[in-house]
Amino acid sequence: MITITKRAAEEINLSTHDPDSQGMLIRFAVDQTDEGFQYLMGFDERHDSDIHLESNGVEYILAYEQKALLEGMVVDFDQIDADSDYSFVFMNPNDPDYEPPEEGEAPNKPNK
């Protein structure tokens, strides 16, 4: 369904230490706007109509109505380019504006 990379899973797991997120699951959602897909993610309670799954040790939920929009999405935590901050990156083949990265292409980052 949704693949959460190891790096994204680590970042999400850090957020679970916040007392406000205790007992909640991470929810993924998407809004279709005139500007394209807007991705939403945050901690929420599970509802009876939700789909409840797991990826890389992270339990997550999504509304059943969102399944077709989110199926096959990959969530990563990385830099878009060497000059940007780390953030969650949503790679969704259902997004009309999605362009998959070319084979072997990655942000140009300095070696540490």
C-alpha atoms as a PDB file:
ATOM      1  CA  MET A   1       0.000   0.000   0.000  1.00  0.00           C
ATOM      2  CA  ILE A   2       2.270   2.820   1.300  1.00  0.00           C
ATOM      3  CA  THR A   3       5.991   2.194   1.744  1.00  0.00           C
ATOM      4  CA  ILE A   4       7.699   4.123   4.525  1.00  0.00           C
ATOM      5  CA  THR A   5      11.467   4.122   4.076  1.00  0.00           C
ATOM      6  CA  LYS A   6      13.763   3.312   6.983  1.00  0.00           C
ATOM      7  CA  ARG A   7      14.835   6.954   7.300  1.00  0.00           C
ATOM      8  CA  ALA A   8      11.217   8.174   7.326  1.00  0.00           C
ATOM      9  CA  ALA A   9      10.287   5.466   9.852  1.00  0.00           C
ATOM     10  CA  GLU A  10      13.082   6.619  12.166  1.00  0.00           C
ATOM     11  CA  GLU A  11      11.864  10.226  11.975  1.00  0.00           C
ATOM     12  CA  ILE A  12       8.230   9.221  12.605  1.00  0.00           C
ATOM     13  CA  ASN A  13       9.286   7.056  15.551  1.00  0.00           C
ATOM     14  CA  LEU A  14      11.093  10.047  17.092  1.00  0.00           C
ATOM     15  CA  SER A  15       7.782  11.932  16.989  1.00  0.00           C
ATOM     16  CA  THR A  16       5.997   9.178  18.909  1.00  0.00           C
ATOM     17  CA  HIS A  17       7.906  10.236  22.058  1.00  0.00           C
ATOM     18  CA  ASP A  18       5.771  13.400  22.208  1.00  0.00           C
ATOM     19  CA  PRO A  19       3.136  12.918  24.957  1.00  0.00           C
ATOM     20  CA  ASP A  20       0.491  14.462  22.661  1.00  0.00           C
ATOM     21  CA  SER A  21       0.873  11.592  20.170  1.00  0.00           C
ATOM     22  CA  GLN A  22       0.636   8.744  22.691  1.00  0.00           C
ATOM     23  CA  GLY A  23      -1.888   6.093  21.652  1.00  0.00           C
ATOM     24  CA  MET A  24      -2.296   7.592  18.174  1.00  0.00           C
ATOM     25  CA  LEU A  25      -1.245   6.361  14.747  1.00  0.00           C
ATOM     26  CA  ILE A  26       0.257   8.287  11.853  1.00  0.00           C
ATOM     27  CA  ARG A  27      -2.393   9.176   9.257  1.00  0.00           C
ATOM     28  CA  PHE A  28      -1.642   9.826   5.588  1.00  0.00           C
ATOM     29  CA  ALA A  29      -4.053  11.785   3.415  1.00  0.00           C
ATOM     30  CA  VAL A  30      -4.072  13.779   0.210  1.00  0.00           C
ATOM     31  CA  ASP A  31      -6.133  16.775  -0.905  1.00  0.00           C
ATOM     32  CA  GLN A  32      -6.669  17.250  -4.621  1.00  0.00           C
ATOM     33  CA  THR A  33      -6.460  20.983  -5.354  1.00  0.00           C
ATOM     34  CA  ASP A  34      -6.176  23.146  -8.457  1.00  0.00           C
ATOM     35  CA  GLU A  35      -2.420  23.240  -7.775  1.00  0.00           C
ATOM     36  CA  GLY A  36      -2.173  19.436  -7.594  1.00  0.00           C
ATOM     37  CA  PHE A  37      -1.911  16.982  -4.721  1.00  0.00           C
ATOM     38  CA  GLN A  38      -1.315  18.365  -1.227  1.00  0.00           C
ATOM     39  CA  TYR A  39      -0.043  15.696   1.180  1.00  0.00           C
ATOM     40  CA  LEU A  40      -1.092  15.577   4.802  1.00  0.00           C
ATOM     41  CA  MET A  41       0.349  13.505   7.591  1.00  0.00           C
ATOM     42  CA  GLY A  42      -0.067  13.630  11.325  1.00  0.00           C
ATOM     43  CA  PHE A  43      -1.064  11.671  14.384  1.00  0.00           C
ATOM     44  CA  ASP A  44      -4.726  10.742  14.686  1.00  0.00           C
ATOM     45  CA  GLU A  45      -7.047   8.221  16.270  1.00  0.00           C
ATOM     46  CA  ARG A  46      -8.133   5.200  14.262  1.00  0.00           C
ATOM     47  CA  HIS A  47     -11.731   5.170  13.002  1.00  0.00           C
ATOM     48  CA  ASP A  48     -13.724   2.049  12.162  1.00  0.00           C
ATOM     49  CA  SER A  49     -13.674   2.869   8.431  1.00  0.00           C
ATOM     50  CA  ASP A  50      -9.878   3.403   8.304  1.00  0.00           C
ATOM     51  CA  ILE A  51      -7.380   1.089   6.667  1.00  0.00           C
ATOM     52  CA  HIS A  52      -4.723   0.115   9.241  1.00  0.00           C
ATOM     53  CA  LEU A  53      -1.356  -1.121   7.931  1.00  0.00           C
ATOM     54  CA  GLU A  54       2.349  -1.223   8.801  1.00  0.00           C
ATOM     55  CA  SER A  55       5.558  -0.415   6.941  1.00  0.00           C
ATOM     56  CA  ASN A  56       9.103  -0.578   8.323  1.00  0.00           C
ATOM     57  CA  GLY A  57       7.769  -0.942  11.863  1.00  0.00           C
ATOM     58  CA  VAL A  58       5.443   2.083  11.646  1.00  0.00           C
ATOM     59  CA  GLU A  59       1.719   1.463  12.000  1.00  0.00           C
ATOM     60  CA  TYR A  60      -0.273   3.909   9.891  1.00  0.00           C
ATOM     61  CA  ILE A  61      -3.849   4.636   8.911  1.00  0.00           C
ATOM     62  CA  LEU A  62      -5.663   6.163   5.982  1.00  0.00           C
ATOM     63  CA  ALA A  63      -9.297   6.694   5.122  1.00  0.00           C
ATOM     64  CA  TYR A  64     -10.714   3.959   2.904  1.00  0.00           C
ATOM     65  CA  GLU A  65     -11.844   6.660   0.440  1.00  0.00           C
ATOM     66  CA  GLN A  66      -8.195   7.701  -0.013  1.00  0.00           C
ATOM     67  CA  LYS A  67      -6.916   4.226  -0.925  1.00  0.00           C
ATOM     68  CA  ALA A  68      -6.883   4.757  -4.716  1.00  0.00           C
ATOM     69  CA  LEU A  69      -5.035   8.085  -4.333  1.00  0.00           C
ATOM     70  CA  LEU A  70      -2.353   6.761  -1.973  1.00  0.00           C
ATOM     71  CA  GLU A  71      -1.754   3.202  -3.176  1.00  0.00           C
ATOM     72  CA  GLY A  72       1.872   2.694  -4.185  1.00  0.00           C
ATOM     73  CA  MET A  73       3.139   5.891  -2.539  1.00  0.00           C
ATOM     74  CA  VAL A  74       6.618   5.930  -0.984  1.00  0.00           C
ATOM     75  CA  VAL A  75       7.314   8.234   1.971  1.00  0.00           C
ATOM     76  CA  ASP A  76      10.952   9.159   2.549  1.00  0.00           C
ATOM     77  CA  PHE A  77      12.808  11.657   4.733  1.00  0.00           C
ATOM     78  CA  ASP A  78      15.592  13.310   2.772  1.00  0.00           C
ATOM     79  CA  GLN A  79      16.916  16.457   1.134  1.00  0.00           C
ATOM     80  CA  ILE A  80      15.451  17.444  -2.233  1.00  0.00           C
ATOM     81  CA  ASP A  81      18.826  18.964  -3.106  1.00  0.00           C
ATOM     82  CA  ALA A  82      22.091  19.669  -1.297  1.00  0.00           C
ATOM     83  CA  ASP A  83      20.998  23.185  -0.250  1.00  0.00           C
ATOM     84  CA  SER A  84      17.655  22.194   1.301  1.00  0.00           C
ATOM     85  CA  ASP A  85      16.691  20.979   4.757  1.00  0.00           C
ATOM     86  CA  TYR A  86      15.602  17.416   5.378  1.00  0.00           C
ATOM     87  CA  SER A  87      11.854  16.903   5.080  1.00  0.00           C
ATOM     88  CA  PHE A  88       9.313  14.230   4.299  1.00  0.00           C
ATOM     89  CA  VAL A  89       9.144  13.465   0.594  1.00  0.00           C
ATOM     90  CA  PHE A  90       6.036  11.891  -0.946  1.00  0.00           C
ATOM     91  CA  MET A  91       6.577   9.928  -4.165  1.00  0.00           C
ATOM     92  CA  ASN A  92       3.151   9.008  -5.435  1.00  0.00           C
ATOM     93  CA  PRO A  93       2.578   7.412  -8.850  1.00  0.00           C
ATOM     94  CA  ASN A  94      -1.104   8.480  -8.640  1.00  0.00           C
ATOM     95  CA  ASP A  95      -0.165  12.170  -8.539  1.00  0.00           C
ATOM     96  CA  PRO A  96      -0.571  13.673 -12.026  1.00  0.00           C
ATOM     97  CA  ASP A  97       2.549  15.813 -11.407  1.00  0.00           C
ATOM     98  CA  TYR A  98       4.703  12.894 -10.220  1.00  0.00           C
ATOM     99  CA  GLU A  99       7.941  12.292 -12.082  1.00  0.00           C
ATOM    100  CA  PRO A 100       9.895   9.268 -10.840  1.00  0.00           C
ATOM    101  CA  PRO A 101      13.592   9.811 -10.233  1.00  0.00           C
ATOM    102  CA  GLU A 102      15.809   8.502 -12.972  1.00  0.00           C
ATOM    103  CA  GLU A 103      17.800   5.343 -12.290  1.00  0.00           C
ATOM    104  CA  GLY A 104      20.855   6.159 -10.192  1.00  0.00           C
ATOM    105  CA  GLU A 105      19.892   9.816  -9.804  1.00  0.00           C
ATOM    106  CA  ALA A 106      20.010  11.268  -6.303  1.00  0.00           C
ATOM    107  CA  PRO A 107      20.511  14.711  -4.791  1.00  0.00           C
ATOM    108  CA  ASN A 108      24.059  15.965  -5.114  1.00  0.00           C
ATOM    109  CA  LYS A 109      25.195  15.848  -1.479  1.00  0.00           C
ATOM    110  CA  PRO A 110      28.645  16.485  -0.078  1.00  0.00           C
ATOM    111  CA  ASN A 111      30.432  13.453   1.388  1.00  0.00           C
ATOM    112  CA  LYS A 112      30.640  13.514   5.183  1.00  0.00           C
END
